[in-house]
Amino acid sequence: MTNKKHPLAGLCYVLSEAFYHLHGKRLGLVPVRARHYGICHWWLRTRTGRIVDFTAGQFTKPYPYHKGRGGGFLTKRPSRRALAIMVLVRTY
């Protein structure tokens, strides 16, 4: 279950996408998504199967990562939201 009031709730796609375009491609990470309780969740996975989930803290119970399927993001290039995060990250 998701804590909808958690500050990271709803940011899984954009944070995963931004990190992937900044470093993940070079590191060999794969975007992964799953639908659980009707909500789509995104994270990254390493070549060895390790989970990289920047928004894991939003869950009140362990997330069923085994349900995830690798693939691509919705667009080949970073979205506007991801680009905004990438600019902020590069600034610091």
C-alpha atoms as a PDB file:
ATOM      1  CA  MET A   1       0.000   0.000   0.000  1.00  0.00           C
ATOM      2  CA  THR A   2       1.079   3.545  -0.741  1.00  0.00           C
ATOM      3  CA  ASN A   3       1.070   6.388   1.741  1.00  0.00           C
ATOM      4  CA  LYS A   4      -0.439   9.008  -0.603  1.00  0.00           C
ATOM      5  CA  LYS A   5       0.647  11.823   1.737  1.00  0.00           C
ATOM      6  CA  HIS A   6       4.315  10.784   1.546  1.00  0.00           C
ATOM      7  CA  PRO A   7       6.448  13.465  -0.211  1.00  0.00           C
ATOM      8  CA  LEU A   8       7.712  10.907  -2.756  1.00  0.00           C
ATOM      9  CA  ALA A   9       4.270   9.538  -3.674  1.00  0.00           C
ATOM     10  CA  GLY A  10       3.619   9.970  -7.372  1.00  0.00           C
ATOM     11  CA  LEU A  11       7.244  10.677  -8.305  1.00  0.00           C
ATOM     12  CA  CYS A  12       8.472   7.168  -9.134  1.00  0.00           C
ATOM     13  CA  TYR A  13       8.333   7.597 -12.912  1.00  0.00           C
ATOM     14  CA  VAL A  14       9.972  10.992 -13.141  1.00  0.00           C
ATOM     15  CA  LEU A  15      12.750  10.262 -10.616  1.00  0.00           C
ATOM     16  CA  SER A  16      13.578   6.930 -12.254  1.00  0.00           C
ATOM     17  CA  GLU A  17      13.525   8.557 -15.682  1.00  0.00           C
ATOM     18  CA  ALA A  18      15.766  11.456 -14.638  1.00  0.00           C
ATOM     19  CA  PHE A  19      18.354   9.201 -12.974  1.00  0.00           C
ATOM     20  CA  TYR A  20      18.302   6.809 -15.921  1.00  0.00           C
ATOM     21  CA  HIS A  21      19.085   9.596 -18.394  1.00  0.00           C
ATOM     22  CA  LEU A  22      21.753  11.086 -16.109  1.00  0.00           C
ATOM     23  CA  HIS A  23      23.585   7.873 -15.134  1.00  0.00           C
ATOM     24  CA  GLY A  24      21.482   4.760 -15.556  1.00  0.00           C
ATOM     25  CA  LYS A  25      22.084   4.158 -19.238  1.00  0.00           C
ATOM     26  CA  ARG A  26      25.842   4.231 -18.692  1.00  0.00           C
ATOM     27  CA  LEU A  27      25.522   1.973 -15.639  1.00  0.00           C
ATOM     28  CA  GLY A  28      23.399  -0.549 -17.509  1.00  0.00           C
ATOM     29  CA  LEU A  29      20.227   0.018 -15.494  1.00  0.00           C
ATOM     30  CA  VAL A  30      16.876  -1.084 -16.885  1.00  0.00           C
ATOM     31  CA  PRO A  31      13.564   0.715 -16.287  1.00  0.00           C
ATOM     32  CA  VAL A  32      11.023  -1.589 -14.650  1.00  0.00           C
ATOM     33  CA  ARG A  33       7.339  -1.171 -13.883  1.00  0.00           C
ATOM     34  CA  ALA A  34       4.545  -3.107 -12.253  1.00  0.00           C
ATOM     35  CA  ARG A  35       0.895  -2.586 -11.440  1.00  0.00           C
ATOM     36  CA  HIS A  36      -0.069  -3.295  -7.852  1.00  0.00           C
ATOM     37  CA  TYR A  37      -3.447  -2.448  -6.334  1.00  0.00           C
ATOM     38  CA  GLY A  38      -4.274  -0.695  -9.605  1.00  0.00           C
ATOM     39  CA  ILE A  39      -1.344   1.733  -9.372  1.00  0.00           C
ATOM     40  CA  CYS A  40       1.615   1.649 -11.746  1.00  0.00           C
ATOM     41  CA  HIS A  41       5.013   1.897 -10.028  1.00  0.00           C
ATOM     42  CA  TRP A  42       8.397   2.482 -11.704  1.00  0.00           C
ATOM     43  CA  TRP A  43      11.963   1.751 -10.571  1.00  0.00           C
ATOM     44  CA  LEU A  44      15.334   0.759 -12.035  1.00  0.00           C
ATOM     45  CA  ARG A  45      17.075  -2.624 -11.906  1.00  0.00           C
ATOM     46  CA  THR A  46      20.791  -3.415 -12.165  1.00  0.00           C
ATOM     47  CA  ARG A  47      22.256  -6.173 -14.329  1.00  0.00           C
ATOM     48  CA  THR A  48      22.478  -8.348 -11.223  1.00  0.00           C
ATOM     49  CA  GLY A  49      18.815  -7.782 -10.350  1.00  0.00           C
ATOM     50  CA  ARG A  50      19.316  -5.234  -7.578  1.00  0.00           C
ATOM     51  CA  ILE A  51      16.399  -2.820  -7.122  1.00  0.00           C
ATOM     52  CA  VAL A  52      17.029   0.936  -7.362  1.00  0.00           C
ATOM     53  CA  ASP A  53      13.814   2.561  -6.144  1.00  0.00           C
ATOM     54  CA  PHE A  54      14.076   6.229  -5.213  1.00  0.00           C
ATOM     55  CA  THR A  55      10.527   6.307  -3.879  1.00  0.00           C
ATOM     56  CA  ALA A  56      10.446   3.066  -1.875  1.00  0.00           C
ATOM     57  CA  GLY A  57       9.801   5.062   1.297  1.00  0.00           C
ATOM     58  CA  GLN A  58       6.237   5.785   0.207  1.00  0.00           C
ATOM     59  CA  PHE A  59       5.152   2.183   0.774  1.00  0.00           C
ATOM     60  CA  THR A  60       3.711   1.060   4.080  1.00  0.00           C
ATOM     61  CA  LYS A  61       4.369  -2.623   3.236  1.00  0.00           C
ATOM     62  CA  PRO A  62       7.124  -4.297   1.170  1.00  0.00           C
ATOM     63  CA  TYR A  63       6.532  -3.736  -2.545  1.00  0.00           C
ATOM     64  CA  PRO A  64       6.233  -6.894  -4.740  1.00  0.00           C
ATOM     65  CA  TYR A  65       9.158  -6.098  -7.034  1.00  0.00           C
ATOM     66  CA  HIS A  66       9.022  -9.638  -8.429  1.00  0.00           C
ATOM     67  CA  LYS A  67       5.952  -8.528 -10.427  1.00  0.00           C
ATOM     68  CA  GLY A  68       8.033  -5.996 -12.373  1.00  0.00           C
ATOM     69  CA  ARG A  69       8.666  -6.154 -16.108  1.00  0.00           C
ATOM     70  CA  GLY A  70      11.622  -4.472 -17.732  1.00  0.00           C
ATOM     71  CA  GLY A  71      11.154  -2.241 -20.715  1.00  0.00           C
ATOM     72  CA  GLY A  72      11.526   1.341 -21.727  1.00  0.00           C
ATOM     73  CA  PHE A  73      10.071   4.596 -20.564  1.00  0.00           C
ATOM     74  CA  LEU A  74       7.061   6.167 -22.234  1.00  0.00           C
ATOM     75  CA  THR A  75       9.320   8.379 -24.390  1.00  0.00           C
ATOM     76  CA  LYS A  76      12.841   7.914 -25.754  1.00  0.00           C
ATOM     77  CA  ARG A  77      13.947  11.369 -24.650  1.00  0.00           C
ATOM     78  CA  PRO A  78      13.552  12.721 -21.113  1.00  0.00           C
ATOM     79  CA  SER A  79      10.144  14.232 -20.342  1.00  0.00           C
ATOM     80  CA  ARG A  80       9.859  17.901 -19.352  1.00  0.00           C
ATOM     81  CA  ARG A  81       9.527  16.928 -15.702  1.00  0.00           C
ATOM     82  CA  ALA A  82      12.621  14.704 -15.886  1.00  0.00           C
ATOM     83  CA  LEU A  83      14.580  17.459 -17.646  1.00  0.00           C
ATOM     84  CA  ALA A  84      13.686  19.895 -14.856  1.00  0.00           C
ATOM     85  CA  ILE A  85      15.018  17.455 -12.255  1.00  0.00           C
ATOM     86  CA  MET A  86      18.135  16.787 -14.331  1.00  0.00           C
ATOM     87  CA  VAL A  87      18.879  20.518 -14.504  1.00  0.00           C
ATOM     88  CA  LEU A  88      18.488  20.836 -10.731  1.00  0.00           C
ATOM     89  CA  VAL A  89      20.751  17.843 -10.083  1.00  0.00           C
ATOM     90  CA  ARG A  90      23.447  19.120 -12.429  1.00  0.00           C
ATOM     91  CA  THR A  91      23.325  22.531 -10.730  1.00  0.00           C
ATOM     92  CA  TYR A  92      24.337  21.049  -7.354  1.00  0.00           C
END
